[in-house]
Amino acid sequence: MKSVFDSSFKYRPSFETDVRKTFQRVRRREGRRPERLVVTPSQHATQIAVLPLEHFKRPRAD
């Protein structure tokens, strides 16, 4: 991302911004990215243990 201190940065007021072009540019940029690997729960090699919150609570000394 460009910084305002970068010499190639050019300020553009919001009223001159074309939102359609901005979204098209973002879609093109994301289209060039490699697809992300999505792992479903059935593909996990290990079991994930979820402990209830009571497991972490300390007993009260009443």
PDB file of N, CA and C in Angstrom:
ATOM      1  N   MET A   1       0.835  -1.164   0.000  1.00  0.00           N
ATOM      2  CA  MET A   1       0.000   0.000   0.000  1.00  0.00           C
ATOM      3  C   MET A   1       0.886   1.235   0.000  1.00  0.00           C
ATOM      4  N   LYS A   2       0.490   2.200  -0.782  1.00  0.00           N
ATOM      5  CA  LYS A   2       1.281   3.420  -0.864  1.00  0.00           C
ATOM      6  C   LYS A   2       1.057   4.292   0.361  1.00  0.00           C
ATOM      7  N   SER A   3       2.080   5.006   0.699  1.00  0.00           N
ATOM      8  CA  SER A   3       2.018   5.949   1.800  1.00  0.00           C
ATOM      9  C   SER A   3       1.863   7.358   1.238  1.00  0.00           C
ATOM     10  N   VAL A   4       1.327   8.253   2.020  1.00  0.00           N
ATOM     11  CA  VAL A   4       1.219   9.644   1.573  1.00  0.00           C
ATOM     12  C   VAL A   4       2.594  10.271   1.422  1.00  0.00           C
ATOM     13  N   PHE A   5       3.605   9.634   1.997  1.00  0.00           N
ATOM     14  CA  PHE A   5       4.960  10.152   1.882  1.00  0.00           C
ATOM     15  C   PHE A   5       5.674   9.621   0.645  1.00  0.00           C
ATOM     16  N   ASP A   6       5.047   8.684  -0.061  1.00  0.00           N
ATOM     17  CA  ASP A   6       5.611   8.142  -1.291  1.00  0.00           C
ATOM     18  C   ASP A   6       5.465   9.188  -2.393  1.00  0.00           C
ATOM     19  N   SER A   7       6.511   9.421  -3.156  1.00  0.00           N
ATOM     20  CA  SER A   7       6.473  10.461  -4.193  1.00  0.00           C
ATOM     21  C   SER A   7       5.503  10.119  -5.326  1.00  0.00           C
ATOM     22  N   SER A   8       5.170   8.829  -5.494  1.00  0.00           N
ATOM     23  CA  SER A   8       4.237   8.457  -6.551  1.00  0.00           C
ATOM     24  C   SER A   8       2.768   8.533  -6.094  1.00  0.00           C
ATOM     25  N   PHE A   9       2.547   8.835  -4.816  1.00  0.00           N
ATOM     26  CA  PHE A   9       1.187   8.948  -4.303  1.00  0.00           C
ATOM     27  C   PHE A   9       0.532  10.217  -4.844  1.00  0.00           C
ATOM     28  N   LYS A  10      -0.689  10.059  -5.332  1.00  0.00           N
ATOM     29  CA  LYS A  10      -1.430  11.224  -5.824  1.00  0.00           C
ATOM     30  C   LYS A  10      -2.775  11.271  -5.117  1.00  0.00           C
ATOM     31  N   TYR A  11      -3.027  12.371  -4.446  1.00  0.00           N
ATOM     32  CA  TYR A  11      -4.288  12.532  -3.724  1.00  0.00           C
ATOM     33  C   TYR A  11      -5.437  12.684  -4.714  1.00  0.00           C
ATOM     34  N   ARG A  12      -6.529  11.994  -4.423  1.00  0.00           N
ATOM     35  CA  ARG A  12      -7.730  12.120  -5.234  1.00  0.00           C
ATOM     36  C   ARG A  12      -8.896  12.350  -4.279  1.00  0.00           C
ATOM     37  N   PRO A  13      -9.598  13.465  -4.413  1.00  0.00           N
ATOM     38  CA  PRO A  13     -10.732  13.720  -3.517  1.00  0.00           C
ATOM     39  C   PRO A  13     -11.834  12.677  -3.729  1.00  0.00           C
ATOM     40  N   SER A  14     -12.626  12.448  -2.706  1.00  0.00           N
ATOM     41  CA  SER A  14     -13.645  11.400  -2.764  1.00  0.00           C
ATOM     42  C   SER A  14     -14.667  11.642  -3.867  1.00  0.00           C
ATOM     43  N   PHE A  15     -14.970  12.894  -4.165  1.00  0.00           N
ATOM     44  CA  PHE A  15     -15.972  13.170  -5.198  1.00  0.00           C
ATOM     45  C   PHE A  15     -15.458  12.853  -6.599  1.00  0.00           C
ATOM     46  N   GLU A  16     -14.157  12.633  -6.747  1.00  0.00           N
ATOM     47  CA  GLU A  16     -13.598  12.248  -8.039  1.00  0.00           C
ATOM     48  C   GLU A  16     -13.320  10.743  -8.128  1.00  0.00           C
ATOM     49  N   THR A  17     -13.663  10.013  -7.093  1.00  0.00           N
ATOM     50  CA  THR A  17     -13.403   8.572  -7.071  1.00  0.00           C
ATOM     51  C   THR A  17     -14.561   7.829  -7.723  1.00  0.00           C
ATOM     52  N   ASP A  18     -14.240   6.939  -8.653  1.00  0.00           N
ATOM     53  CA  ASP A  18     -15.247   6.104  -9.291  1.00  0.00           C
ATOM     54  C   ASP A  18     -15.238   4.753  -8.561  1.00  0.00           C
ATOM     55  N   VAL A  19     -16.267   4.514  -7.766  1.00  0.00           N
ATOM     56  CA  VAL A  19     -16.319   3.315  -6.939  1.00  0.00           C
ATOM     57  C   VAL A  19     -16.350   2.051  -7.793  1.00  0.00           C
ATOM     58  N   ARG A  20     -17.024   2.089  -8.935  1.00  0.00           N
ATOM     59  CA  ARG A  20     -17.068   0.914  -9.815  1.00  0.00           C
ATOM     60  C   ARG A  20     -15.667   0.511 -10.251  1.00  0.00           C
ATOM     61  N   LYS A  21     -14.860   1.483 -10.626  1.00  0.00           N
ATOM     62  CA  LYS A  21     -13.492   1.188 -11.053  1.00  0.00           C
ATOM     63  C   LYS A  21     -12.667   0.626  -9.900  1.00  0.00           C
ATOM     64  N   THR A  22     -12.914   1.126  -8.701  1.00  0.00           N
ATOM     65  CA  THR A  22     -12.187   0.626  -7.538  1.00  0.00           C
ATOM     66  C   THR A  22     -12.495  -0.848  -7.312  1.00  0.00           C
ATOM     67  N   PHE A  23     -13.786  -1.216  -7.348  1.00  0.00           N
ATOM     68  CA  PHE A  23     -14.155  -2.607  -7.133  1.00  0.00           C
ATOM     69  C   PHE A  23     -13.664  -3.497  -8.270  1.00  0.00           C
ATOM     70  N   GLN A  24     -13.679  -3.005  -9.493  1.00  0.00           N
ATOM     71  CA  GLN A  24     -13.157  -3.785 -10.618  1.00  0.00           C
ATOM     72  C   GLN A  24     -11.665  -4.048 -10.438  1.00  0.00           C
ATOM     73  N   ARG A  25     -10.941  -3.040  -9.973  1.00  0.00           N
ATOM     74  CA  ARG A  25      -9.500  -3.196  -9.748  1.00  0.00           C
ATOM     75  C   ARG A  25      -9.237  -4.245  -8.663  1.00  0.00           C
ATOM     76  N   VAL A  26     -10.030  -4.209  -7.599  1.00  0.00           N
ATOM     77  CA  VAL A  26      -9.856  -5.184  -6.521  1.00  0.00           C
ATOM     78  C   VAL A  26     -10.167  -6.588  -7.024  1.00  0.00           C
ATOM     79  N   ARG A  27     -11.231  -6.757  -7.798  1.00  0.00           N
ATOM     80  CA  ARG A  27     -11.582  -8.076  -8.340  1.00  0.00           C
ATOM     81  C   ARG A  27     -10.471  -8.605  -9.244  1.00  0.00           C
ATOM     82  N   ARG A  28      -9.904  -7.738 -10.071  1.00  0.00           N
ATOM     83  CA  ARG A  28      -8.808  -8.174 -10.941  1.00  0.00           C
ATOM     84  C   ARG A  28      -7.611  -8.608 -10.107  1.00  0.00           C
ATOM     85  N   ARG A  29      -7.290  -7.831  -9.078  1.00  0.00           N
ATOM     86  CA  ARG A  29      -6.149  -8.148  -8.227  1.00  0.00           C
ATOM     87  C   ARG A  29      -6.366  -9.486  -7.523  1.00  0.00           C
ATOM     88  N   GLU A  30      -7.564  -9.727  -7.010  1.00  0.00           N
ATOM     89  CA  GLU A  30      -7.837 -10.988  -6.335  1.00  0.00           C
ATOM     90  C   GLU A  30      -7.899 -12.151  -7.320  1.00  0.00           C
ATOM     91  N   GLY A  31      -8.265 -11.886  -8.558  1.00  0.00           N
ATOM     92  CA  GLY A  31      -8.285 -12.934  -9.568  1.00  0.00           C
ATOM     93  C   GLY A  31      -6.899 -13.413  -9.924  1.00  0.00           C
ATOM     94  N   ARG A  32      -5.891 -12.568  -9.727  1.00  0.00           N
ATOM     95  CA  ARG A  32      -4.505 -12.952 -10.019  1.00  0.00           C
ATOM     96  C   ARG A  32      -3.873 -13.731  -8.877  1.00  0.00           C
ATOM     97  N   ARG A  33      -4.478 -13.670  -7.702  1.00  0.00           N
ATOM     98  CA  ARG A  33      -3.935 -14.386  -6.559  1.00  0.00           C
ATOM     99  C   ARG A  33      -4.190 -15.878  -6.715  1.00  0.00           C
ATOM    100  N   PRO A  34      -3.276 -16.684  -6.218  1.00  0.00           N
ATOM    101  CA  PRO A  34      -3.559 -18.133  -6.225  1.00  0.00           C
ATOM    102  C   PRO A  34      -4.689 -18.425  -5.246  1.00  0.00           C
ATOM    103  N   GLU A  35      -5.479 -19.436  -5.579  1.00  0.00           N
ATOM    104  CA  GLU A  35      -6.593 -19.774  -4.705  1.00  0.00           C
ATOM    105  C   GLU A  35      -6.070 -20.267  -3.368  1.00  0.00           C
ATOM    106  N   ARG A  36      -6.794 -19.912  -2.322  1.00  0.00           N
ATOM    107  CA  ARG A  36      -6.396 -20.348  -0.994  1.00  0.00           C
ATOM    108  C   ARG A  36      -6.888 -21.764  -0.760  1.00  0.00           C
ATOM    109  N   LEU A  37      -6.086 -22.501  -0.041  1.00  0.00           N
ATOM    110  CA  LEU A  37      -6.433 -23.871   0.294  1.00  0.00           C
ATOM    111  C   LEU A  37      -7.454 -23.851   1.427  1.00  0.00           C
ATOM    112  N   VAL A  38      -8.587 -24.490   1.197  1.00  0.00           N
ATOM    113  CA  VAL A  38      -9.621 -24.563   2.216  1.00  0.00           C
ATOM    114  C   VAL A  38      -9.644 -25.989   2.739  1.00  0.00           C
ATOM    115  N   VAL A  39      -9.465 -26.119   4.038  1.00  0.00           N
ATOM    116  CA  VAL A  39      -9.438 -27.434   4.657  1.00  0.00           C
ATOM    117  C   VAL A  39     -10.753 -27.640   5.390  1.00  0.00           C
ATOM    118  N   THR A  40     -11.444 -28.695   5.032  1.00  0.00           N
ATOM    119  CA  THR A  40     -12.695 -29.010   5.708  1.00  0.00           C
ATOM    120  C   THR A  40     -12.395 -29.852   6.939  1.00  0.00           C
ATOM    121  N   PRO A  41     -13.313 -29.887   7.910  1.00  0.00           N
ATOM    122  CA  PRO A  41     -13.055 -30.661   9.130  1.00  0.00           C
ATOM    123  C   PRO A  41     -12.754 -32.134   8.858  1.00  0.00           C
ATOM    124  N   SER A  42     -13.318 -32.712   7.803  1.00  0.00           N
ATOM    125  CA  SER A  42     -13.066 -34.126   7.521  1.00  0.00           C
ATOM    126  C   SER A  42     -11.642 -34.363   7.017  1.00  0.00           C
ATOM    127  N   GLN A  43     -10.949 -33.316   6.614  1.00  0.00           N
ATOM    128  CA  GLN A  43      -9.587 -33.458   6.104  1.00  0.00           C
ATOM    129  C   GLN A  43      -8.526 -33.331   7.188  1.00  0.00           C
ATOM    130  N   HIS A  44      -8.933 -33.000   8.402  1.00  0.00           N
ATOM    131  CA  HIS A  44      -7.966 -32.870   9.489  1.00  0.00           C
ATOM    132  C   HIS A  44      -7.397 -34.229   9.840  1.00  0.00           C
ATOM    133  N   ALA A  45      -6.111 -34.274  10.042  1.00  0.00           N
ATOM    134  CA  ALA A  45      -5.463 -35.527  10.397  1.00  0.00           C
ATOM    135  C   ALA A  45      -5.547 -35.786  11.898  1.00  0.00           C
ATOM    136  N   THR A  46      -5.717 -34.731  12.672  1.00  0.00           N
ATOM    137  CA  THR A  46      -5.757 -34.876  14.126  1.00  0.00           C
ATOM    138  C   THR A  46      -7.100 -34.407  14.646  1.00  0.00           C
ATOM    139  N   GLN A  47      -7.444 -34.875  15.815  1.00  0.00           N
ATOM    140  CA  GLN A  47      -8.666 -34.441  16.476  1.00  0.00           C
ATOM    141  C   GLN A  47      -8.374 -33.133  17.203  1.00  0.00           C
ATOM    142  N   ILE A  48      -9.315 -32.233  17.149  1.00  0.00           N
ATOM    143  CA  ILE A  48      -9.175 -30.971  17.865  1.00  0.00           C
ATOM    144  C   ILE A  48     -10.015 -31.078  19.127  1.00  0.00           C
ATOM    145  N   ALA A  49      -9.375 -30.924  20.266  1.00  0.00           N
ATOM    146  CA  ALA A  49     -10.076 -31.037  21.542  1.00  0.00           C
ATOM    147  C   ALA A  49     -10.575 -29.665  21.965  1.00  0.00           C
ATOM    148  N   VAL A  50     -11.840 -29.603  22.310  1.00  0.00           N
ATOM    149  CA  VAL A  50     -12.427 -28.369  22.808  1.00  0.00           C
ATOM    150  C   VAL A  50     -12.841 -28.622  24.241  1.00  0.00           C
ATOM    151  N   LEU A  51     -12.256 -27.870  25.148  1.00  0.00           N
ATOM    152  CA  LEU A  51     -12.545 -28.054  26.559  1.00  0.00           C
ATOM    153  C   LEU A  51     -13.590 -27.039  27.012  1.00  0.00           C
ATOM    154  N   PRO A  52     -14.497 -27.454  27.878  1.00  0.00           N
ATOM    155  CA  PRO A  52     -15.482 -26.500  28.392  1.00  0.00           C
ATOM    156  C   PRO A  52     -14.798 -25.478  29.295  1.00  0.00           C
ATOM    157  N   LEU A  53     -15.421 -24.317  29.448  1.00  0.00           N
ATOM    158  CA  LEU A  53     -14.830 -23.260  30.261  1.00  0.00           C
ATOM    159  C   LEU A  53     -14.655 -23.677  31.713  1.00  0.00           C
ATOM    160  N   GLU A  54     -15.527 -24.546  32.204  1.00  0.00           N
ATOM    161  CA  GLU A  54     -15.417 -24.993  33.592  1.00  0.00           C
ATOM    162  C   GLU A  54     -14.069 -25.662  33.851  1.00  0.00           C
ATOM    163  N   HIS A  55     -13.480 -26.225  32.824  1.00  0.00           N
ATOM    164  CA  HIS A  55     -12.189 -26.883  32.965  1.00  0.00           C
ATOM    165  C   HIS A  55     -11.114 -25.889  33.412  1.00  0.00           C
ATOM    166  N   PHE A  56     -11.232 -24.637  33.020  1.00  0.00           N
ATOM    167  CA  PHE A  56     -10.220 -23.638  33.302  1.00  0.00           C
ATOM    168  C   PHE A  56     -10.511 -22.840  34.574  1.00  0.00           C
ATOM    169  N   LYS A  57     -11.710 -22.956  35.104  1.00  0.00           N
ATOM    170  CA  LYS A  57     -12.064 -22.200  36.295  1.00  0.00           C
ATOM    171  C   LYS A  57     -11.443 -22.845  37.532  1.00  0.00           C
ATOM    172  N   ARG A  58     -10.950 -22.021  38.412  1.00  0.00           N
ATOM    173  CA  ARG A  58     -10.389 -22.517  39.655  1.00  0.00           C
ATOM    174  C   ARG A  58     -11.512 -22.733  40.670  1.00  0.00           C
ATOM    175  N   PRO A  59     -11.403 -23.743  41.466  1.00  0.00           N
ATOM    176  CA  PRO A  59     -12.432 -23.932  42.501  1.00  0.00           C
ATOM    177  C   PRO A  59     -12.344 -22.813  43.540  1.00  0.00           C
ATOM    178  N   ARG A  60     -13.483 -22.392  44.001  1.00  0.00           N
ATOM    179  CA  ARG A  60     -13.528 -21.320  45.006  1.00  0.00           C
ATOM    180  C   ARG A  60     -13.177 -21.868  46.389  1.00  0.00           C
ATOM    181  N   ALA A  61     -12.482 -21.067  47.115  1.00  0.00           N
ATOM    182  CA  ALA A  61     -12.152 -21.438  48.495  1.00  0.00           C
ATOM    183  C   ALA A  61     -13.104 -20.701  49.414  1.00  0.00           C
ATOM    184  N   ASP A  62     -14.268 -21.299  49.651  1.00  0.00           N
ATOM    185  CA  ASP A  62     -15.280 -20.665  50.523  1.00  0.00           C
ATOM    186  C   ASP A  62     -15.145 -21.138  51.953  1.00  0.00           C
TER     187      ASP A  62
END
